[in-house]
Protein backbone atom coordinates (compact mmCIF):
# COMPACT_ATOMS: atom_id res chain seq x y z
CA UNK A 1 -6.48 25.99 8.95
CA UNK A 2 -4.92 22.77 6.81
CA UNK A 3 -2.30 24.27 4.30
CA UNK A 4 -1.29 22.19 1.28
CA UNK A 5 2.22 20.07 1.27
CA UNK A 6 4.16 21.28 -1.54
CA UNK A 7 4.44 18.10 -3.89
CA UNK A 8 7.66 16.94 -3.09
CA UNK A 9 6.54 16.78 0.29
CA UNK A 10 3.72 14.29 -0.96
CA UNK A 11 2.58 11.53 1.33
CA UNK A 12 3.71 7.95 1.29
CA UNK A 13 2.08 5.25 2.20
CA UNK A 14 3.07 1.52 2.39
CA UNK A 15 1.93 -1.94 3.03
CA UNK A 16 3.99 -5.34 2.38
CA UNK A 17 2.34 -7.84 0.29
CA UNK A 18 2.15 -11.64 0.50
CA UNK A 19 2.18 -12.73 -3.16
CA UNK A 20 2.68 -16.47 -2.19
CA UNK A 21 -0.22 -16.24 0.36
CA UNK A 22 -2.14 -13.58 -1.46
CA UNK A 23 -2.20 -11.41 2.00
CA UNK A 24 -1.68 -7.71 2.39
CA UNK A 25 -0.16 -6.10 5.50
CA UNK A 26 -0.28 -2.45 6.66
CA UNK A 27 2.50 -4.07 8.93
CA UNK A 28 5.75 -5.96 7.68
CA UNK A 29 5.21 -9.77 7.79
CA UNK A 30 8.05 -12.65 6.61
CA UNK A 31 8.33 -13.55 2.78
CA UNK A 32 6.55 -10.41 1.63
CA UNK A 33 7.62 -7.35 -0.76
CA UNK A 34 7.34 -3.57 0.49
CA UNK A 35 4.62 -1.58 -1.45
CA UNK A 36 5.57 2.38 -0.78
CA UNK A 37 3.51 4.39 -3.14
CA UNK A 38 1.91 8.30 -3.12
CA UNK A 39 -1.40 7.47 -1.45
CA UNK A 40 -3.14 8.26 -4.62
CA UNK A 41 -1.58 5.04 -6.18
CA UNK A 42 -1.18 2.98 -2.73
CA UNK A 43 -5.24 2.71 -3.29
CA UNK A 44 -5.46 1.96 -6.32
CA UNK A 45 -2.40 -0.45 -5.96
CA UNK A 46 -4.38 -2.54 -3.16
CA UNK A 47 -8.03 -1.65 -4.33
CA UNK A 48 -6.57 -3.95 -7.83
CA UNK A 49 -4.84 -6.91 -5.30
CA UNK A 50 -7.89 -6.77 -3.90
CA UNK A 51 -10.17 -7.32 -6.71
CA UNK A 52 -7.38 -9.93 -7.94
CA UNK A 53 -8.06 -12.31 -4.61
CA UNK A 54 -5.63 -11.12 -2.14
CA UNK A 55 -7.20 -10.65 1.73
CA UNK A 56 -5.94 -7.77 4.15
CA UNK A 57 -4.26 -8.67 7.00
């Protein structure tokens, strides 16, 4: 049986964003910024970037 994690241990997800090349990567890439967020916030941010023309590498 799977139990819920306490709020303090919320799962964090991250991606690297290259704004110049409009790239999203799940592995570190040069000239990028790190986007760490909770799982829900993370996917909302990724979808917003995709709608703005970013590509996933």
